[in-house]
C-alpha atoms as a PDB file:
ATOM      1  CA  MET A   1     -55.810  34.445  37.942  1.00  0.00           C
ATOM      2  CA  SER A   2     -57.381  34.682  34.654  1.00  0.00           C
ATOM      3  CA  LYS A   3     -57.960  31.992  32.153  1.00  0.00           C
ATOM      4  CA  LYS A   4     -55.888  34.025  29.908  1.00  0.00           C
ATOM      5  CA  GLN A   5     -52.885  33.958  32.018  1.00  0.00           C
ATOM      6  CA  PHE A   6     -53.142  30.757  33.268  1.00  0.00           C
ATOM      7  CA  SER A   7     -53.277  29.781  29.628  1.00  0.00           C
ATOM      8  CA  GLN A   8     -50.192  32.301  28.699  1.00  0.00           C
ATOM      9  CA  GLY A   9     -48.204  30.450  31.359  1.00  0.00           C
ATOM     10  CA  VAL A  10     -49.156  26.906  30.127  1.00  0.00           C
ATOM     11  CA  LEU A  11     -48.019  27.954  26.580  1.00  0.00           C
ATOM     12  CA  VAL A  12     -44.663  28.840  28.284  1.00  0.00           C
ATOM     13  CA  ALA A  13     -44.085  26.526  29.944  1.00  0.00           C
ATOM     14  CA  ILE A  14     -44.516  24.520  27.213  1.00  0.00           C
ATOM     15  CA  PHE A  15     -42.437  26.387  24.915  1.00  0.00           C
ATOM     16  CA  GLY A  16     -39.629  26.533  27.776  1.00  0.00           C
ATOM     17  CA  LEU A  17     -39.940  22.008  27.826  1.00  0.00           C
ATOM     18  CA  ALA A  18     -40.216  21.659  23.686  1.00  0.00           C
ATOM     19  CA  ILE A  19     -36.820  24.537  23.794  1.00  0.00           C
ATOM     20  CA  ALA A  20     -35.161  22.240  26.689  1.00  0.00           C
ATOM     21  CA  THR A  21     -36.302  19.151  24.696  1.00  0.00           C
ATOM     22  CA  VAL A  22     -34.752  19.779  21.384  1.00  0.00           C
ATOM     23  CA  TRP A  23     -31.551  21.083  23.420  1.00  0.00           C
ATOM     24  CA  LEU A  24     -31.386  17.861  25.066  1.00  0.00           C
ATOM     25  CA  ARG A  25     -31.394  16.287  21.847  1.00  0.00           C
ATOM     26  CA  LEU A  26     -28.890  18.137  20.047  1.00  0.00           C
ATOM     27  CA  ALA A  27     -26.828  17.593  23.220  1.00  0.00           C
ATOM     28  CA  ILE A  28     -26.694  13.576  23.585  1.00  0.00           C
ATOM     29  CA  ILE A  29     -26.514  13.866  18.959  1.00  0.00           C
ATOM     30  CA  ARG A  30     -23.414  16.340  19.610  1.00  0.00           C
ATOM     31  CA  ARG A  31     -22.411  13.546  22.271  1.00  0.00           C
ATOM     32  CA  THR A  32     -23.187  10.658  20.356  1.00  0.00           C
ATOM     33  CA  TYR A  33     -21.046  11.714  17.345  1.00  0.00           C
ATOM     34  CA  GLU A  34     -18.053  12.279  19.686  1.00  0.00           C
ATOM     35  CA  VAL A  35     -17.774   8.978  21.509  1.00  0.00           C
ATOM     36  CA  ASN A  36     -18.232   7.150  17.682  1.00  0.00           C
ATOM     37  CA  GLN A  37     -15.216   9.740  16.212  1.00  0.00           C
ATOM     38  CA  LEU A  38     -13.471   8.598  19.901  1.00  0.00           C
ATOM     39  CA  ASP A  39     -13.906   4.794  19.158  1.00  0.00           C
ATOM     40  CA  LEU A  40     -13.041   4.841  15.982  1.00  0.00           C
ATOM     41  CA  SER A  41      -9.503   7.011  16.750  1.00  0.00           C
ATOM     42  CA  ALA A  42      -8.869   4.069  19.189  1.00  0.00           C
ATOM     43  CA  ARG A  43      -9.642   1.393  16.426  1.00  0.00           C
ATOM     44  CA  ASN A  44      -6.870   2.913  14.154  1.00  0.00           C
ATOM     45  CA  VAL A  45      -4.085   3.381  17.450  1.00  0.00           C
ATOM     46  CA  SER A  46      -5.291   0.016  18.058  1.00  0.00           C
ATOM     47  CA  ARG A  47      -4.622  -1.320  14.270  1.00  0.00           C
ATOM     48  CA  GLU A  48      -1.499   1.126  14.503  1.00  0.00           C
ATOM     49  CA  ILE A  49      -0.022  -0.934  17.669  1.00  0.00           C
ATOM     50  CA  VAL A  50      -0.771  -4.319  15.696  1.00  0.00           C
ATOM     51  CA  GLY A  51       1.366  -3.195  12.796  1.00  0.00           C
ATOM     52  CA  LEU A  52       3.942  -1.958  15.291  1.00  0.00           C
ATOM     53  CA  LYS A  53       4.604  -5.341  16.842  1.00  0.00           C
ATOM     54  CA  VAL A  54       4.399  -6.718  13.454  1.00  0.00           C
ATOM     55  CA  GLN A  55       7.280  -4.427  12.249  1.00  0.00           C
ATOM     56  CA  LEU A  56       9.028  -4.779  15.444  1.00  0.00           C
ATOM     57  CA  ALA A  57       9.147  -8.650  15.130  1.00  0.00           C
ATOM     58  CA  LYS A  58      10.149  -8.699  11.830  1.00  0.00           C
ATOM     59  CA  ALA A  59      13.381  -5.653  13.234  1.00  0.00           C
ATOM     60  CA  LYS A  60      13.793  -8.664  15.627  1.00  0.00           C
ATOM     61  CA  THR A  61      14.323 -11.807  12.929  1.00  0.00           C
ATOM     62  CA  PRO A  62      18.186 -13.126  12.704  1.00  0.00           C
ATOM     63  CA  SER A  63      17.596 -13.037   9.537  1.00  0.00           C
ATOM     64  CA  HIS A  64      17.166  -9.527   9.580  1.00  0.00           C
ATOM     65  CA  LEU A  65      19.488  -8.558  12.139  1.00  0.00           C
ATOM     66  CA  GLU A  66      21.822 -10.360   9.612  1.00  0.00           C
ATOM     67  CA  ARG A  67      20.821  -8.613   6.346  1.00  0.00           C
ATOM     68  CA  LEU A  68      21.780  -5.056   8.835  1.00  0.00           C
ATOM     69  CA  ALA A  69      25.193  -6.424  10.093  1.00  0.00           C
ATOM     70  CA  ARG A  70      26.147  -7.033   6.222  1.00  0.00           C
ATOM     71  CA  LYS A  71      24.888  -3.714   5.112  1.00  0.00           C
ATOM     72  CA  TRP A  72      26.727  -1.813   8.261  1.00  0.00           C
ATOM     73  CA  GLY A  73      30.007  -3.853   7.539  1.00  0.00           C
ATOM     74  CA  PHE A  74      30.020  -6.353  10.582  1.00  0.00           C
ATOM     75  CA  SER A  75      31.302  -9.560   9.662  1.00  0.00           C
ATOM     76  CA  GLN A  76      31.749 -12.747  12.314  1.00  0.00           C
ATOM     77  CA  PRO A  77      34.330 -12.455  14.836  1.00  0.00           C
ATOM     78  CA  SER A  78      38.018 -14.226  14.522  1.00  0.00           C
ATOM     79  CA  THR A  79      38.392 -16.846  17.464  1.00  0.00           C
ATOM     80  CA  GLU A  80      41.140 -13.830  18.772  1.00  0.00           C
ATOM     81  CA  GLN A  81      38.252 -11.362  19.001  1.00  0.00           C
ATOM     82  CA  LEU A  82      36.175 -13.512  21.451  1.00  0.00           C
ATOM     83  CA  VAL A  83      36.252 -12.972  25.512  1.00  0.00           C
ATOM     84  CA  ARG A  84      34.440 -15.809  27.250  1.00  0.00           C
ATOM     85  CA  LEU A  85      33.525 -14.189  30.628  1.00  0.00           C
ATOM     86  CA  GLU A  86      33.029 -17.161  33.766  1.00  0.00           C
ATOM     87  CA  GLU A  87      30.325 -16.929  35.765  1.00  0.00           C
ATOM     88  CA  GLN A  88      30.888 -14.855  39.782  1.00  0.00           C
ATOM     89  CA  PRO A  89      29.654 -17.376  42.235  1.00  0.00           C
END
């Protein structure tokens, strides 16, 4: 192998390594971006879950349920409408 061929081989190897390095860096940047986007989505979902839990807690309050009952025409039952169940042994 001549000096010229060796030099060309070294240049080809360096060029190949440079291309591989650039490709790897771009792949890392893409993956980092994807991870950041997924992290942002996860935080948004977590905030939404907290908001929904607050809404559920408000919907379960007696005052809210009473308001809904009045809105839908429900009223307190009369004593004749009450049924008492006894515990079975």
